[in-house]
Amino acid sequence: MNIKIKALQLPKDVNLSRIENHFKIKLNRSIDWSYYSEIENGKNIYFYKFSAFIFIWFEDQEIDFHVEKITSDSPDKTTIVTQEYEIKVDSTLENHFSINDNFITIKEYKLNYFEIIAFSLAHTVAMEYYENTTEKFFEKINFYDEIKKFWQIKSKEKDLLKNIAELLSIKHQIVNELYLLDKPEVVWDDIVLEKLYTSLYWFFEIEDRFKAIEYKLNFMNENITFLYDVLDSKKWHFLEWIIIFLIIFEVIFTLIDFYDRFLNH
C-alpha cells in the first residue's frame, strides 16, 4: 500500500477557522497544537498553528483546488512552500519503520504513525519557509558597504530598530510556534513513536537547519546593532560638539562683557 502525503507551508494569514470554513468541518485536536480530520475515503488533513498544512491520499489536482480556495484572500501566495513524500505500508517489514529519501515504510497502518510523519513534514516545510524568509531579509539589509564606510552610514535609527524588531519576531515565531526543542507529548510513553519522531527529526535535519537560521539571525542582529551603536555614537559626538561650541560662545560673550565693563571704567 502506497500513500501519498504532501506538506505545504501556507501564507501566515491562513488560520484554523479558514480551513474549517472551506471544508465545512470541525477539526479535532491532534498533537501539539495541530488539528486533524478525515475528509473522505481515507483522505486526511492536518493543520498546524504555524500555517502548515498536510494532505494525505489526495491527488495533485485536488490539492491545487483546495489550496487555491484557501489562499484566495491571502495577499502573498509566493510564500507557499511544498514538499511531497510517500508512506508505504509493509506488514513483512522486519522493524517498525524504515526511512528513505523519497518515502518511509511502516509496518502497520496506525494513526499515531501518520501523526508523527505529518508533524515532521509540517516542520520541514516550515523550516524551509523560515530559511527563505531569513535569506530574503539578509539580502534586504546588506549593510556591508555602510559598515566599511563607517562614518558615512545612510541608514536611519528608526529603520535599524524596525529591522531588529523584525529579526526578533522571526526568531520568536520559530521558537514559540514550531516547538523545535520539545518532543510531542504523544511520544513520551511510546518507545516506537519516540524513535520514529527522533529518526525523522534527524533525517530532515531540523536542528541543523534551525542552528543555521539562528546563526544568520544573530549575525544580522550584530551588524544592525553595530550600525545603530555607530549612529548613536555619532549623535552623541554631535551633541558634545554643540555643547563645546555653546561653552566657547559663552566664554566669548563673557570676555566681551568683561572687556566692555573694563573700558567703561
Protein backbone atom coordinates (compact mmCIF):
# COMPACT_ATOMS: atom_id res chain seq x y z
CA MET A 1 0.00 0.00 0.00
CA ASN A 2 1.45 3.35 -1.09
CA ILE A 3 0.06 6.54 0.40
CA LYS A 4 0.90 9.99 -0.94
CA ILE A 5 1.45 12.76 1.59
CA LYS A 6 2.01 16.40 0.68
CA ALA A 7 3.02 19.17 3.06
CA LEU A 8 2.56 22.88 2.40
CA GLN A 9 3.57 25.97 4.31
CA LEU A 10 0.71 28.34 3.55
CA PRO A 11 0.69 32.15 3.99
CA LYS A 12 0.65 33.22 7.63
CA ASP A 13 -2.86 34.66 7.43
CA VAL A 14 -4.33 31.18 6.86
CA ASN A 15 -5.81 30.08 10.16
CA LEU A 16 -7.92 27.28 11.63
CA SER A 17 -11.30 28.93 11.01
CA ARG A 18 -10.50 29.45 7.34
CA ILE A 19 -9.66 25.75 6.96
CA GLU A 20 -12.83 24.67 8.77
CA ASN A 21 -15.00 27.04 6.74
CA HIS A 22 -13.56 25.80 3.47
CA PHE A 23 -14.01 22.08 4.21
CA LYS A 24 -17.20 22.70 6.25
CA ILE A 25 -15.92 20.53 9.08
CA LYS A 26 -14.76 20.81 12.68
CA LEU A 27 -11.11 19.83 13.03
CA ASN A 28 -10.11 17.73 16.05
CA ARG A 29 -7.06 18.38 18.21
CA SER A 30 -4.07 16.24 17.34
CA ILE A 31 -0.55 16.61 18.77
CA ASP A 32 0.98 19.87 19.98
CA TRP A 33 -1.39 22.50 18.59
CA SER A 34 -2.15 20.59 15.44
CA TYR A 35 -5.60 19.67 14.13
CA TYR A 36 -6.82 16.66 12.20
CA SER A 37 -9.81 15.38 10.29
CA GLU A 38 -10.68 12.58 7.91
CA ILE A 39 -12.38 14.06 4.85
CA GLU A 40 -13.49 11.00 2.89
CA ASN A 41 -12.37 7.50 1.91
CA GLY A 42 -9.19 7.63 3.99
CA LYS A 43 -8.25 11.14 2.86
CA ASN A 44 -6.91 13.04 5.85
CA ILE A 45 -5.81 16.58 6.53
CA TYR A 46 -3.65 18.07 9.29
CA PHE A 47 -3.34 21.75 10.08
CA TYR A 48 -0.78 23.42 12.36
CA LYS A 49 -0.93 26.78 14.06
CA PHE A 50 2.13 27.99 12.13
CA SER A 51 0.01 27.63 8.94
CA ALA A 52 1.48 24.33 7.74
CA PHE A 53 -0.99 22.02 6.06
CA ILE A 54 -0.82 18.27 5.29
CA PHE A 55 -2.81 16.41 2.65
CA ILE A 56 -2.83 12.59 2.86
CA TRP A 57 -4.04 10.49 -0.05
CA PHE A 58 -5.13 13.49 -2.16
CA GLU A 59 -4.46 13.85 -5.89
CA ASP A 60 -2.46 16.85 -7.12
CA GLN A 61 -5.45 18.49 -8.80
CA GLU A 62 -7.49 18.17 -5.60
CA ILE A 63 -4.70 19.74 -3.57
CA ASP A 64 -4.32 22.59 -6.06
CA PHE A 65 -8.06 23.24 -5.94
CA HIS A 66 -8.21 23.35 -2.13
CA VAL A 67 -5.07 25.47 -1.78
CA GLU A 68 -6.35 27.98 -4.34
CA LYS A 69 -9.63 28.33 -2.44
CA ILE A 70 -7.99 28.51 1.00
CA THR A 71 -5.45 31.15 -0.05
CA SER A 72 -7.77 33.18 -2.30
CA ASP A 73 -7.75 36.11 0.15
CA SER A 74 -4.06 35.88 1.04
CA PRO A 75 -2.03 38.88 -0.19
CA ASP A 76 1.20 36.94 -0.72
CA LYS A 77 1.00 33.46 -2.23
CA THR A 78 4.70 33.41 -3.09
CA THR A 79 5.41 32.27 0.48
CA ILE A 80 3.82 28.84 -0.14
CA VAL A 81 6.36 26.04 0.31
CA THR A 82 5.62 22.42 -0.63
CA GLN A 83 7.15 19.02 -0.13
CA GLU A 84 5.91 15.61 -1.20
CA TYR A 85 6.62 12.31 0.48
CA GLU A 86 5.28 8.79 0.32
CA ILE A 87 4.26 6.34 3.01
CA LYS A 88 4.41 2.62 2.28
CA VAL A 89 2.73 0.04 4.48
CA ASP A 90 4.51 -3.31 4.51
CA SER A 91 3.50 -5.90 7.10
CA THR A 92 6.57 -8.01 6.26
CA LEU A 93 8.92 -5.22 7.38
CA GLU A 94 11.36 -6.50 9.98
CA ASN A 95 11.39 -3.26 12.00
CA HIS A 96 8.51 -0.91 12.85
CA PHE A 97 9.59 1.57 10.17
CA SER A 98 12.27 2.34 7.62
CA ILE A 99 13.16 5.80 6.27
CA ASN A 100 14.45 6.55 2.77
CA ASP A 101 14.97 9.73 0.75
CA ASN A 102 11.60 9.66 -1.02
CA PHE A 103 9.43 7.50 1.20
CA ILE A 104 9.01 5.96 4.62
CA THR A 105 7.87 2.38 5.14
CA ILE A 106 5.81 1.49 8.21
CA LYS A 107 4.92 -1.99 9.33
CA GLU A 108 1.28 -1.28 10.13
CA TYR A 109 -1.35 1.34 9.37
CA LYS A 110 -1.63 3.33 12.63
CA LEU A 111 -2.97 6.84 13.15
CA ASN A 112 -0.13 7.68 15.57
CA TYR A 113 2.44 6.94 12.88
CA PHE A 114 0.69 9.30 10.48
CA GLU A 115 0.53 11.99 13.18
CA ILE A 116 4.30 11.86 13.72
CA ILE A 117 5.11 11.73 10.00
CA ALA A 118 2.75 14.64 9.26
CA PHE A 119 4.14 16.58 12.23
CA SER A 120 7.72 16.13 10.94
CA LEU A 121 6.83 17.12 7.38
CA ALA A 122 4.98 20.19 8.63
CA HIS A 123 8.12 21.28 10.45
CA THR A 124 10.19 20.59 7.35
CA VAL A 125 8.21 22.97 5.12
CA ALA A 126 8.03 25.50 7.97
CA MET A 127 11.82 25.44 8.28
CA GLU A 128 12.15 25.95 4.52
CA TYR A 129 9.78 28.91 4.78
CA TYR A 130 11.91 30.49 7.52
CA GLU A 131 15.10 29.70 5.59
CA ASN A 132 13.69 31.62 2.61
CA THR A 133 12.44 34.44 4.86
CA THR A 134 15.83 34.77 6.54
CA GLU A 135 17.67 34.76 3.20
CA LYS A 136 15.40 37.48 1.78
CA PHE A 137 15.88 39.56 4.92
CA PHE A 138 19.65 39.07 4.70
CA GLU A 139 19.64 40.35 1.11
CA LYS A 140 17.45 43.31 2.06
CA ILE A 141 19.68 44.56 4.86
CA ASN A 142 23.09 44.02 3.31
CA PHE A 143 24.97 46.73 5.22
CA TYR A 144 28.46 45.66 4.20
CA ASP A 145 29.22 48.84 2.22
CA GLU A 146 27.92 51.02 5.04
CA ILE A 147 30.00 49.17 7.63
CA LYS A 148 33.13 49.72 5.51
CA LYS A 149 32.43 53.46 5.27
CA PHE A 150 31.73 53.56 8.99
CA TRP A 151 31.05 57.29 9.46
CA GLN A 152 29.08 57.65 6.20
CA ILE A 153 26.14 55.49 7.24
CA LYS A 154 22.94 56.38 5.40
CA SER A 155 20.56 54.19 7.41
CA LYS A 156 18.25 55.81 9.95
CA GLU A 157 17.92 54.76 13.56
CA LYS A 158 14.19 54.04 13.28
CA ASP A 159 14.84 51.78 10.27
CA LEU A 160 17.52 49.88 12.16
CA LEU A 161 15.22 49.47 15.17
CA LYS A 162 12.49 48.23 12.83
CA ASN A 163 14.91 45.64 11.40
CA ILE A 164 15.91 44.49 14.88
CA ALA A 165 12.25 44.07 15.79
CA GLU A 166 11.64 42.05 12.62
CA LEU A 167 14.60 39.79 13.38
CA LEU A 168 13.35 39.17 16.90
CA SER A 169 9.88 38.45 15.50
CA ILE A 170 11.26 35.77 13.14
CA LYS A 171 13.19 34.12 15.96
CA HIS A 172 10.19 34.32 18.28
CA GLN A 173 7.95 32.64 15.70
CA ILE A 174 10.42 29.81 15.13
CA VAL A 175 10.91 29.07 18.82
CA ASN A 176 7.38 29.65 20.08
CA GLU A 177 5.35 28.26 17.17
CA LEU A 178 7.40 25.30 16.00
CA TYR A 179 8.39 23.92 19.43
CA LEU A 180 11.62 22.69 17.87
CA LEU A 181 13.26 21.95 21.18
CA ASP A 182 10.34 19.99 22.67
CA LYS A 183 9.22 16.48 21.83
CA PRO A 184 5.48 15.97 21.33
CA GLU A 185 3.76 14.57 24.42
CA VAL A 186 2.42 11.61 22.44
CA VAL A 187 5.93 10.12 22.14
CA TRP A 188 6.79 10.26 25.83
CA ASP A 189 5.23 6.91 26.73
CA ASP A 190 5.76 5.10 23.43
CA ILE A 191 9.27 3.94 22.57
CA VAL A 192 8.44 3.23 18.91
CA LEU A 193 6.82 6.63 18.36
CA GLU A 194 9.72 8.37 20.08
CA LYS A 195 12.20 6.53 17.87
CA LEU A 196 10.14 7.39 14.77
CA TYR A 197 9.97 11.06 15.76
CA THR A 198 13.69 11.25 16.57
CA SER A 199 14.64 9.48 13.33
CA LEU A 200 12.56 11.86 11.21
CA TYR A 201 13.83 14.84 13.20
CA TRP A 202 17.41 13.93 12.31
CA PHE A 203 16.59 12.72 8.80
CA PHE A 204 15.10 16.11 7.89
CA GLU A 205 17.99 17.88 9.71
CA ILE A 206 15.59 20.07 11.67
CA GLU A 207 18.08 21.01 14.39
CA ASP A 208 20.93 21.75 11.97
CA ARG A 209 18.66 23.91 9.83
CA PHE A 210 17.41 25.77 12.90
CA LYS A 211 21.01 26.42 14.02
CA ALA A 212 21.87 27.75 10.55
CA ILE A 213 18.91 30.13 10.66
CA GLU A 214 19.73 31.17 14.22
CA TYR A 215 23.34 31.88 13.21
CA LYS A 216 22.21 34.12 10.33
CA LEU A 217 19.71 35.94 12.53
CA ASN A 218 22.33 36.54 15.22
CA PHE A 219 24.86 37.66 12.60
CA MET A 220 22.41 40.15 11.12
CA ASN A 221 21.41 41.34 14.58
CA GLU A 222 25.05 42.01 15.45
CA ASN A 223 25.55 44.01 12.25
CA ILE A 224 22.40 46.06 12.75
CA THR A 225 23.24 46.66 16.41
CA PHE A 226 26.75 47.76 15.40
CA LEU A 227 25.35 50.28 12.93
CA TYR A 228 22.85 51.52 15.49
CA ASP A 229 25.65 52.00 18.05
CA VAL A 230 27.69 53.92 15.46
CA LEU A 231 24.74 56.18 14.69
CA ASP A 232 24.11 56.64 18.39
CA SER A 233 27.80 57.47 18.90
CA LYS A 234 27.67 59.98 16.03
CA LYS A 235 24.64 61.60 17.61
CA TRP A 236 26.37 61.93 20.98
CA HIS A 237 29.51 63.26 19.32
CA PHE A 238 27.38 65.86 17.57
CA LEU A 239 25.76 66.84 20.86
CA GLU A 240 29.14 67.03 22.53
CA TRP A 241 30.39 69.43 19.83
CA ILE A 242 27.27 71.55 20.25
CA ILE A 243 27.94 71.75 23.98
CA ILE A 244 31.58 72.65 23.32
CA PHE A 245 30.58 75.42 20.90
CA LEU A 246 28.00 76.72 23.39
CA ILE A 247 30.66 76.85 26.08
CA ILE A 248 33.04 78.64 23.70
CA PHE A 249 30.33 81.18 22.79
CA GLU A 250 29.54 81.69 26.46
CA VAL A 251 33.22 82.28 27.22
CA ILE A 252 33.49 84.72 24.29
CA PHE A 253 30.41 86.66 25.41
CA THR A 254 31.70 86.69 28.97
CA LEU A 255 35.05 88.07 27.79
CA ILE A 256 33.31 90.68 25.62
CA ASP A 257 31.15 91.71 28.55
CA PHE A 258 34.20 91.88 30.82
CA TYR A 259 36.07 93.95 28.22
CA ASP A 260 33.16 96.41 27.87
CA ARG A 261 32.99 96.86 31.61
CA PHE A 262 36.71 97.37 31.76
CA LEU A 263 36.56 100.10 29.09
CA ASN A 264 33.67 101.82 30.81
CA HIS A 265 35.69 102.09 33.96
